[in-house]
């Protein structure tokens, strides 16, 4: 796995979204309560529930540019994280 620590490089929202739409990503982030969470997630259409794809095509909600909503592959549910709480991410090549 290729892992990137956030301290080493500046990561943009657009870059993360591009990676998520094309890969399964393992991310590590700090939750609001201070605990560290690891999550295997994606935004690849073929891995999302069919209902989510249909809802995505409806009128979009207001986007919070500081948060990214992703599909947690282990919990089989949508979760979100704050970009500034991201500690590291990696993906299999």
PDB file of N, CA and C in Angstrom:
ATOM      1  N   UNK A   1       0.843  -1.172   0.000  1.00  0.00           N
ATOM      2  CA  UNK A   1       0.000   0.000   0.000  1.00  0.00           C
ATOM      3  C   UNK A   1       0.889   1.236   0.000  1.00  0.00           C
ATOM      4  N   UNK A   2       0.475   2.222  -0.733  1.00  0.00           N
ATOM      5  CA  UNK A   2       1.168   3.499  -0.794  1.00  0.00           C
ATOM      6  C   UNK A   2       0.483   4.430   0.189  1.00  0.00           C
ATOM      7  N   UNK A   3       1.179   4.849   1.271  1.00  0.00           N
ATOM      8  CA  UNK A   3       0.563   5.661   2.309  1.00  0.00           C
ATOM      9  C   UNK A   3       1.189   7.046   2.319  1.00  0.00           C
ATOM     10  N   UNK A   4       0.347   8.062   2.476  1.00  0.00           N
ATOM     11  CA  UNK A   4       0.802   9.447   2.494  1.00  0.00           C
ATOM     12  C   UNK A   4       0.448  10.074   3.826  1.00  0.00           C
ATOM     13  N   UNK A   5       1.444  10.621   4.524  1.00  0.00           N
ATOM     14  CA  UNK A   5       1.171  11.384   5.727  1.00  0.00           C
ATOM     15  C   UNK A   5       0.849  12.796   5.315  1.00  0.00           C
ATOM     16  N   UNK A   6      -0.145  13.370   5.929  1.00  0.00           N
ATOM     17  CA  UNK A   6      -0.621  14.686   5.542  1.00  0.00           C
ATOM     18  C   UNK A   6       0.417  15.770   5.824  1.00  0.00           C
ATOM     19  N   UNK A   7       1.237  15.600   6.836  1.00  0.00           N
ATOM     20  CA  UNK A   7       2.260  16.598   7.156  1.00  0.00           C
ATOM     21  C   UNK A   7       3.248  16.785   6.013  1.00  0.00           C
ATOM     22  N   UNK A   8       3.426  15.765   5.198  1.00  0.00           N
ATOM     23  CA  UNK A   8       4.442  15.794   4.151  1.00  0.00           C
ATOM     24  C   UNK A   8       4.005  16.540   2.898  1.00  0.00           C
ATOM     25  N   UNK A   9       2.716  16.685   2.692  1.00  0.00           N
ATOM     26  CA  UNK A   9       2.238  17.261   1.449  1.00  0.00           C
ATOM     27  C   UNK A   9       0.897  17.956   1.659  1.00  0.00           C
ATOM     28  N   UNK A  10       0.620  18.961   0.855  1.00  0.00           N
ATOM     29  CA  UNK A  10      -0.666  19.637   0.938  1.00  0.00           C
ATOM     30  C   UNK A  10      -1.683  18.877   0.096  1.00  0.00           C
ATOM     31  N   UNK A  11      -2.782  18.513   0.715  1.00  0.00           N
ATOM     32  CA  UNK A  11      -3.815  17.734   0.045  1.00  0.00           C
ATOM     33  C   UNK A  11      -5.047  18.615  -0.149  1.00  0.00           C
ATOM     34  N   UNK A  12      -5.553  18.660  -1.366  1.00  0.00           N
ATOM     35  CA  UNK A  12      -6.743  19.462  -1.638  1.00  0.00           C
ATOM     36  C   UNK A  12      -7.989  18.587  -1.639  1.00  0.00           C
ATOM     37  N   UNK A  13      -9.123  19.206  -1.449  1.00  0.00           N
ATOM     38  CA  UNK A  13     -10.413  18.518  -1.499  1.00  0.00           C
ATOM     39  C   UNK A  13     -10.601  17.855  -2.863  1.00  0.00           C
ATOM     40  N   UNK A  14     -10.262  18.576  -3.919  1.00  0.00           N
ATOM     41  CA  UNK A  14     -10.430  18.051  -5.269  1.00  0.00           C
ATOM     42  C   UNK A  14      -9.577  16.810  -5.499  1.00  0.00           C
ATOM     43  N   UNK A  15      -8.343  16.825  -4.987  1.00  0.00           N
ATOM     44  CA  UNK A  15      -7.450  15.676  -5.130  1.00  0.00           C
ATOM     45  C   UNK A  15      -8.033  14.459  -4.405  1.00  0.00           C
ATOM     46  N   UNK A  16      -8.508  14.657  -3.178  1.00  0.00           N
ATOM     47  CA  UNK A  16      -9.097  13.557  -2.418  1.00  0.00           C
ATOM     48  C   UNK A  16     -10.333  13.000  -3.115  1.00  0.00           C
ATOM     49  N   UNK A  17     -11.191  13.884  -3.609  1.00  0.00           N
ATOM     50  CA  UNK A  17     -12.395  13.427  -4.304  1.00  0.00           C
ATOM     51  C   UNK A  17     -12.053  12.631  -5.560  1.00  0.00           C
ATOM     52  N   UNK A  18     -11.051  13.072  -6.288  1.00  0.00           N
ATOM     53  CA  UNK A  18     -10.621  12.334  -7.479  1.00  0.00           C
ATOM     54  C   UNK A  18     -10.131  10.931  -7.102  1.00  0.00           C
ATOM     55  N   UNK A  19      -9.324  10.855  -6.044  1.00  0.00           N
ATOM     56  CA  UNK A  19      -8.849   9.551  -5.588  1.00  0.00           C
ATOM     57  C   UNK A  19     -10.010   8.661  -5.162  1.00  0.00           C
ATOM     58  N   UNK A  20     -10.956   9.218  -4.420  1.00  0.00           N
ATOM     59  CA  UNK A  20     -12.092   8.453  -3.926  1.00  0.00           C
ATOM     60  C   UNK A  20     -13.011   7.971  -5.046  1.00  0.00           C
ATOM     61  N   UNK A  21     -13.156   8.746  -6.100  1.00  0.00           N
ATOM     62  CA  UNK A  21     -14.014   8.338  -7.223  1.00  0.00           C
ATOM     63  C   UNK A  21     -13.367   7.239  -8.061  1.00  0.00           C
ATOM     64  N   UNK A  22     -12.051   7.034  -7.880  1.00  0.00           N
ATOM     65  CA  UNK A  22     -11.348   6.051  -8.703  1.00  0.00           C
ATOM     66  C   UNK A  22     -10.714   4.904  -7.923  1.00  0.00           C
ATOM     67  N   UNK A  23     -10.781   4.960  -6.580  1.00  0.00           N
ATOM     68  CA  UNK A  23     -10.073   3.974  -5.763  1.00  0.00           C
ATOM     69  C   UNK A  23     -10.816   3.677  -4.471  1.00  0.00           C
ATOM     70  N   UNK A  24     -10.372   2.599  -3.846  1.00  0.00           N
ATOM     71  CA  UNK A  24     -10.719   2.332  -2.452  1.00  0.00           C
ATOM     72  C   UNK A  24      -9.559   2.895  -1.643  1.00  0.00           C
ATOM     73  N   UNK A  25      -9.860   3.771  -0.693  1.00  0.00           N
ATOM     74  CA  UNK A  25      -8.822   4.474   0.061  1.00  0.00           C
ATOM     75  C   UNK A  25      -8.912   4.096   1.533  1.00  0.00           C
ATOM     76  N   UNK A  26      -7.776   3.899   2.156  1.00  0.00           N
ATOM     77  CA  UNK A  26      -7.713   3.724   3.603  1.00  0.00           C
ATOM     78  C   UNK A  26      -7.287   5.063   4.181  1.00  0.00           C
ATOM     79  N   UNK A  27      -8.148   5.645   5.023  1.00  0.00           N
ATOM     80  CA  UNK A  27      -7.814   6.936   5.602  1.00  0.00           C
ATOM     81  C   UNK A  27      -7.739   6.820   7.121  1.00  0.00           C
ATOM     82  N   UNK A  28      -6.946   7.686   7.708  1.00  0.00           N
ATOM     83  CA  UNK A  28      -6.859   7.824   9.153  1.00  0.00           C
ATOM     84  C   UNK A  28      -7.154   9.275   9.465  1.00  0.00           C
ATOM     85  N   UNK A  29      -8.094   9.491  10.394  1.00  0.00           N
ATOM     86  CA  UNK A  29      -8.446  10.858  10.751  1.00  0.00           C
ATOM     87  C   UNK A  29      -8.797  10.924  12.231  1.00  0.00           C
ATOM     88  N   UNK A  30      -8.822  12.145  12.756  1.00  0.00           N
ATOM     89  CA  UNK A  30      -9.169  12.355  14.152  1.00  0.00           C
ATOM     90  C   UNK A  30     -10.631  12.774  14.243  1.00  0.00           C
ATOM     91  N   UNK A  31     -11.394  12.022  15.021  1.00  0.00           N
ATOM     92  CA  UNK A  31     -12.812  12.334  15.199  1.00  0.00           C
ATOM     93  C   UNK A  31     -12.958  13.541  16.123  1.00  0.00           C
ATOM     94  N   UNK A  32     -14.153  14.117  16.160  1.00  0.00           N
ATOM     95  CA  UNK A  32     -14.403  15.286  17.010  1.00  0.00           C
ATOM     96  C   UNK A  32     -14.082  15.030  18.473  1.00  0.00           C
ATOM     97  N   UNK A  33     -14.274  13.780  18.928  1.00  0.00           N
ATOM     98  CA  UNK A  33     -14.016  13.459  20.337  1.00  0.00           C
ATOM     99  C   UNK A  33     -12.536  13.197  20.616  1.00  0.00           C
ATOM    100  N   UNK A  34     -11.686  13.349  19.586  1.00  0.00           N
ATOM    101  CA  UNK A  34     -10.243  13.192  19.766  1.00  0.00           C
ATOM    102  C   UNK A  34      -9.712  11.807  19.475  1.00  0.00           C
ATOM    103  N   UNK A  35     -10.593  10.832  19.252  1.00  0.00           N
ATOM    104  CA  UNK A  35     -10.116   9.486  18.943  1.00  0.00           C
ATOM    105  C   UNK A  35      -9.688   9.410  17.483  1.00  0.00           C
ATOM    106  N   UNK A  36      -8.777   8.500  17.232  1.00  0.00           N
ATOM    107  CA  UNK A  36      -8.277   8.285  15.873  1.00  0.00           C
ATOM    108  C   UNK A  36      -9.089   7.154  15.246  1.00  0.00           C
ATOM    109  N   UNK A  37      -9.530   7.363  14.020  1.00  0.00           N
ATOM    110  CA  UNK A  37     -10.347   6.370  13.315  1.00  0.00           C
ATOM    111  C   UNK A  37      -9.711   6.042  11.983  1.00  0.00           C
ATOM    112  N   UNK A  38      -9.701   4.769  11.647  1.00  0.00           N
ATOM    113  CA  UNK A  38      -9.265   4.314  10.336  1.00  0.00           C
ATOM    114  C   UNK A  38     -10.502   3.832   9.589  1.00  0.00           C
ATOM    115  N   UNK A  39     -10.539   4.128   8.300  1.00  0.00           N
ATOM    116  CA  UNK A  39     -11.719   3.769   7.519  1.00  0.00           C
ATOM    117  C   UNK A  39     -11.302   3.434   6.083  1.00  0.00           C
ATOM    118  N   UNK A  40     -11.837   2.334   5.582  1.00  0.00           N
ATOM    119  CA  UNK A  40     -11.664   1.977   4.172  1.00  0.00           C
ATOM    120  C   UNK A  40     -12.887   2.517   3.454  1.00  0.00           C
ATOM    121  N   UNK A  41     -12.685   3.441   2.520  1.00  0.00           N
ATOM    122  CA  UNK A  41     -13.825   4.119   1.917  1.00  0.00           C
ATOM    123  C   UNK A  41     -13.603   4.372   0.433  1.00  0.00           C
ATOM    124  N   UNK A  42     -14.682   4.781  -0.235  1.00  0.00           N
ATOM    125  CA  UNK A  42     -14.636   5.056  -1.666  1.00  0.00           C
ATOM    126  C   UNK A  42     -15.811   5.929  -2.061  1.00  0.00           C
ATOM    127  N   UNK A  43     -15.775   6.397  -3.290  1.00  0.00           N
ATOM    128  CA  UNK A  43     -16.913   7.030  -3.951  1.00  0.00           C
ATOM    129  C   UNK A  43     -17.094   6.429  -5.343  1.00  0.00           C
ATOM    130  N   UNK A  44     -16.503   5.243  -5.578  1.00  0.00           N
ATOM    131  CA  UNK A  44     -16.645   4.563  -6.860  1.00  0.00           C
ATOM    132  C   UNK A  44     -18.105   4.148  -7.041  1.00  0.00           C
ATOM    133  N   UNK A  45     -18.707   4.567  -8.134  1.00  0.00           N
ATOM    134  CA  UNK A  45     -20.131   4.317  -8.367  1.00  0.00           C
ATOM    135  C   UNK A  45     -20.501   2.849  -8.293  1.00  0.00           C
ATOM    136  N   UNK A  46     -19.650   1.971  -8.822  1.00  0.00           N
ATOM    137  CA  UNK A  46     -19.998   0.546  -8.838  1.00  0.00           C
ATOM    138  C   UNK A  46     -19.945  -0.095  -7.448  1.00  0.00           C
ATOM    139  N   UNK A  47     -19.412   0.600  -6.448  1.00  0.00           N
ATOM    140  CA  UNK A  47     -19.359   0.071  -5.086  1.00  0.00           C
ATOM    141  C   UNK A  47     -20.381   0.724  -4.155  1.00  0.00           C
ATOM    142  N   UNK A  48     -21.073   1.752  -4.642  1.00  0.00           N
ATOM    143  CA  UNK A  48     -22.083   2.439  -3.838  1.00  0.00           C
ATOM    144  C   UNK A  48     -23.421   1.710  -3.948  1.00  0.00           C
ATOM    145  N   UNK A  49     -24.239   1.806  -2.905  1.00  0.00           N
ATOM    146  CA  UNK A  49     -25.577   1.218  -3.018  1.00  0.00           C
ATOM    147  C   UNK A  49     -26.361   1.913  -4.127  1.00  0.00           C
ATOM    148  N   UNK A  50     -27.186   1.170  -4.820  1.00  0.00           N
ATOM    149  CA  UNK A  50     -27.953   1.739  -5.943  1.00  0.00           C
ATOM    150  C   UNK A  50     -28.799   2.928  -5.499  1.00  0.00           C
ATOM    151  N   UNK A  51     -29.358   2.879  -4.311  1.00  0.00           N
ATOM    152  CA  UNK A  51     -30.165   3.977  -3.791  1.00  0.00           C
ATOM    153  C   UNK A  51     -29.349   5.266  -3.706  1.00  0.00           C
ATOM    154  N   UNK A  52     -28.113   5.185  -3.308  1.00  0.00           N
ATOM    155  CA  UNK A  52     -27.258   6.367  -3.176  1.00  0.00           C
ATOM    156  C   UNK A  52     -26.999   7.007  -4.528  1.00  0.00           C
ATOM    157  N   UNK A  53     -26.833   6.200  -5.542  1.00  0.00           N
ATOM    158  CA  UNK A  53     -26.581   6.732  -6.887  1.00  0.00           C
ATOM    159  C   UNK A  53     -27.819   7.469  -7.384  1.00  0.00           C
ATOM    160  N   UNK A  54     -29.005   6.926  -7.133  1.00  0.00           N
ATOM    161  CA  UNK A  54     -30.251   7.574  -7.533  1.00  0.00           C
ATOM    162  C   UNK A  54     -30.427   8.891  -6.792  1.00  0.00           C
ATOM    163  N   UNK A  55     -30.183   8.892  -5.480  1.00  0.00           N
ATOM    164  CA  UNK A  55     -30.328  10.106  -4.676  1.00  0.00           C
ATOM    165  C   UNK A  55     -29.322  11.165  -5.081  1.00  0.00           C
ATOM    166  N   UNK A  56     -28.143  10.741  -5.495  1.00  0.00           N
ATOM    167  CA  UNK A  56     -27.094  11.678  -5.897  1.00  0.00           C
ATOM    168  C   UNK A  56     -27.550  12.519  -7.092  1.00  0.00           C
ATOM    169  N   UNK A  57     -28.420  11.976  -7.928  1.00  0.00           N
ATOM    170  CA  UNK A  57     -28.863  12.674  -9.127  1.00  0.00           C
ATOM    171  C   UNK A  57     -30.009  13.644  -8.849  1.00  0.00           C
ATOM    172  N   UNK A  58     -30.542  13.617  -7.619  1.00  0.00           N
ATOM    173  CA  UNK A  58     -31.574  14.576  -7.232  1.00  0.00           C
ATOM    174  C   UNK A  58     -30.902  15.929  -6.974  1.00  0.00           C
ATOM    175  N   UNK A  59     -31.702  16.887  -6.571  1.00  0.00           N
ATOM    176  CA  UNK A  59     -31.167  18.212  -6.292  1.00  0.00           C
ATOM    177  C   UNK A  59     -30.096  18.117  -5.197  1.00  0.00           C
ATOM    178  N   UNK A  60     -28.890  18.618  -5.474  1.00  0.00           N
ATOM    179  CA  UNK A  60     -27.797  18.475  -4.504  1.00  0.00           C
ATOM    180  C   UNK A  60     -28.004  19.335  -3.258  1.00  0.00           C
ATOM    181  N   UNK A  61     -27.495  18.823  -2.144  1.00  0.00           N
ATOM    182  CA  UNK A  61     -27.524  19.577  -0.892  1.00  0.00           C
ATOM    183  C   UNK A  61     -26.414  20.618  -0.927  1.00  0.00           C
ATOM    184  N   UNK A  62     -26.506  21.582  -0.033  1.00  0.00           N
ATOM    185  CA  UNK A  62     -25.441  22.572   0.085  1.00  0.00           C
ATOM    186  C   UNK A  62     -24.162  21.851   0.523  1.00  0.00           C
ATOM    187  N   UNK A  63     -23.065  22.135  -0.153  1.00  0.00           N
ATOM    188  CA  UNK A  63     -21.807  21.444   0.105  1.00  0.00           C
ATOM    189  C   UNK A  63     -20.989  22.200   1.144  1.00  0.00           C
ATOM    190  N   UNK A  64     -20.553  21.485   2.173  1.00  0.00           N
ATOM    191  CA  UNK A  64     -19.614  22.032   3.141  1.00  0.00           C
ATOM    192  C   UNK A  64     -18.221  21.683   2.620  1.00  0.00           C
ATOM    193  N   UNK A  65     -17.481  22.656   2.190  1.00  0.00           N
ATOM    194  CA  UNK A  65     -16.170  22.435   1.569  1.00  0.00           C
ATOM    195  C   UNK A  65     -15.135  21.863   2.541  1.00  0.00           C
ATOM    196  N   UNK A  66     -15.429  21.868   3.832  1.00  0.00           N
ATOM    197  CA  UNK A  66     -14.489  21.365   4.841  1.00  0.00           C
ATOM    198  C   UNK A  66     -14.715  19.892   5.173  1.00  0.00           C
ATOM    199  N   UNK A  67     -15.780  19.308   4.607  1.00  0.00           N
ATOM    200  CA  UNK A  67     -16.165  17.935   4.923  1.00  0.00           C
ATOM    201  C   UNK A  67     -16.293  17.124   3.635  1.00  0.00           C
ATOM    202  N   UNK A  68     -15.895  15.852   3.711  1.00  0.00           N
ATOM    203  CA  UNK A  68     -16.088  14.941   2.583  1.00  0.00           C
ATOM    204  C   UNK A  68     -16.916  13.757   3.067  1.00  0.00           C
ATOM    205  N   UNK A  69     -18.007  13.492   2.371  1.00  0.00           N
ATOM    206  CA  UNK A  69     -18.835  12.321   2.651  1.00  0.00           C
ATOM    207  C   UNK A  69     -18.342  11.177   1.772  1.00  0.00           C
ATOM    208  N   UNK A  70     -18.159  10.013   2.380  1.00  0.00           N
ATOM    209  CA  UNK A  70     -17.632   8.845   1.679  1.00  0.00           C
ATOM    210  C   UNK A  70     -18.464   7.624   2.043  1.00  0.00           C
ATOM    211  N   UNK A  71     -18.292   6.560   1.284  1.00  0.00           N
ATOM    212  CA  UNK A  71     -18.949   5.302   1.597  1.00  0.00           C
ATOM    213  C   UNK A  71     -17.959   4.412   2.320  1.00  0.00           C
ATOM    214  N   UNK A  72     -18.266   4.078   3.586  1.00  0.00           N
ATOM    215  CA  UNK A  72     -17.418   3.209   4.408  1.00  0.00           C
ATOM    216  C   UNK A  72     -17.674   1.776   3.964  1.00  0.00           C
ATOM    217  N   UNK A  73     -16.665   1.149   3.380  1.00  0.00           N
ATOM    218  CA  UNK A  73     -16.821  -0.190   2.821  1.00  0.00           C
ATOM    219  C   UNK A  73     -16.989  -1.262   3.888  1.00  0.00           C
ATOM    220  N   UNK A  74     -16.478  -1.049   5.088  1.00  0.00           N
ATOM    221  CA  UNK A  74     -16.617  -2.047   6.140  1.00  0.00           C
ATOM    222  C   UNK A  74     -17.964  -1.934   6.854  1.00  0.00           C
ATOM    223  N   UNK A  75     -18.425  -0.719   7.104  1.00  0.00           N
ATOM    224  CA  UNK A  75     -19.712  -0.519   7.780  1.00  0.00           C
ATOM    225  C   UNK A  75     -20.881  -0.517   6.805  1.00  0.00           C
ATOM    226  N   UNK A  76     -20.570  -0.457   5.486  1.00  0.00           N
ATOM    227  CA  UNK A  76     -21.598  -0.437   4.443  1.00  0.00           C
ATOM    228  C   UNK A  76     -22.579   0.714   4.673  1.00  0.00           C
ATOM    229  N   UNK A  77     -22.002   1.907   4.941  1.00  0.00           N
ATOM    230  CA  UNK A  77     -22.822   3.095   5.194  1.00  0.00           C
ATOM    231  C   UNK A  77     -22.002   4.334   4.871  1.00  0.00           C
ATOM    232  N   UNK A  78     -22.710   5.428   4.640  1.00  0.00           N
ATOM    233  CA  UNK A  78     -22.011   6.684   4.391  1.00  0.00           C
ATOM    234  C   UNK A  78     -21.523   7.282   5.699  1.00  0.00           C
ATOM    235  N   UNK A  79     -20.331   7.820   5.662  1.00  0.00           N
ATOM    236  CA  UNK A  79     -19.713   8.509   6.786  1.00  0.00           C
ATOM    237  C   UNK A  79     -19.054   9.751   6.224  1.00  0.00           C
ATOM    238  N   UNK A  80     -18.654  10.654   7.102  1.00  0.00           N
ATOM    239  CA  UNK A  80     -17.950  11.850   6.634  1.00  0.00           C
ATOM    240  C   UNK A  80     -16.802  12.166   7.575  1.00  0.00           C
ATOM    241  N   UNK A  81     -15.869  12.946   7.068  1.00  0.00           N
ATOM    242  CA  UNK A  81     -14.741  13.395   7.878  1.00  0.00           C
ATOM    243  C   UNK A  81     -14.367  14.801   7.443  1.00  0.00           C
ATOM    244  N   UNK A  82     -13.810  15.528   8.373  1.00  0.00           N
ATOM    245  CA  UNK A  82     -13.330  16.877   8.085  1.00  0.00           C
ATOM    246  C   UNK A  82     -11.947  16.760   7.443  1.00  0.00           C
ATOM    247  N   UNK A  83     -11.721  17.490   6.396  1.00  0.00           N
ATOM    248  CA  UNK A  83     -10.444  17.434   5.690  1.00  0.00           C
ATOM    249  C   UNK A  83      -9.292  17.800   6.622  1.00  0.00           C
ATOM    250  N   UNK A  84      -9.501  18.788   7.486  1.00  0.00           N
ATOM    251  CA  UNK A  84      -8.420  19.210   8.382  1.00  0.00           C
ATOM    252  C   UNK A  84      -8.143  18.207   9.500  1.00  0.00           C
ATOM    253  N   UNK A  85      -8.984  17.159   9.626  1.00  0.00           N
ATOM    254  CA  UNK A  85      -8.743  16.126  10.628  1.00  0.00           C
ATOM    255  C   UNK A  85      -8.005  14.923  10.051  1.00  0.00           C
ATOM    256  N   UNK A  86      -7.781  14.936   8.739  1.00  0.00           N
ATOM    257  CA  UNK A  86      -7.120  13.821   8.060  1.00  0.00           C
ATOM    258  C   UNK A  86      -5.657  13.730   8.482  1.00  0.00           C
ATOM    259  N   UNK A  87      -5.254  12.545   8.923  1.00  0.00           N
ATOM    260  CA  UNK A  87      -3.869  12.312   9.360  1.00  0.00           C
ATOM    261  C   UNK A  87      -3.047  11.644   8.266  1.00  0.00           C
ATOM    262  N   UNK A  88      -3.640  10.667   7.579  1.00  0.00           N
ATOM    263  CA  UNK A  88      -2.936   9.966   6.497  1.00  0.00           C
ATOM    264  C   UNK A  88      -3.956   9.242   5.632  1.00  0.00           C
ATOM    265  N   UNK A  89      -3.516   8.859   4.445  1.00  0.00           N
ATOM    266  CA  UNK A  89      -4.349   8.053   3.550  1.00  0.00           C
ATOM    267  C   UNK A  89      -3.437   7.193   2.700  1.00  0.00           C
ATOM    268  N   UNK A  90      -3.994   6.101   2.229  1.00  0.00           N
ATOM    269  CA  UNK A  90      -3.232   5.213   1.363  1.00  0.00           C
ATOM    270  C   UNK A  90      -4.179   4.416   0.498  1.00  0.00           C
ATOM    271  N   UNK A  91      -3.652   3.909  -0.590  1.00  0.00           N
ATOM    272  CA  UNK A  91      -4.455   3.082  -1.470  1.00  0.00           C
ATOM    273  C   UNK A  91      -3.569   2.055  -2.135  1.00  0.00           C
ATOM    274  N   UNK A  92      -4.169   0.935  -2.477  1.00  0.00           N
ATOM    275  CA  UNK A  92      -3.429  -0.125  -3.168  1.00  0.00           C
ATOM    276  C   UNK A  92      -3.296   0.225  -4.632  1.00  0.00           C
ATOM    277  N   UNK A  93      -2.123  -0.001  -5.154  1.00  0.00           N
ATOM    278  CA  UNK A  93      -1.879   0.312  -6.579  1.00  0.00           C
ATOM    279  C   UNK A  93      -2.088  -0.940  -7.404  1.00  0.00           C
TER     280      UNK A  93
END
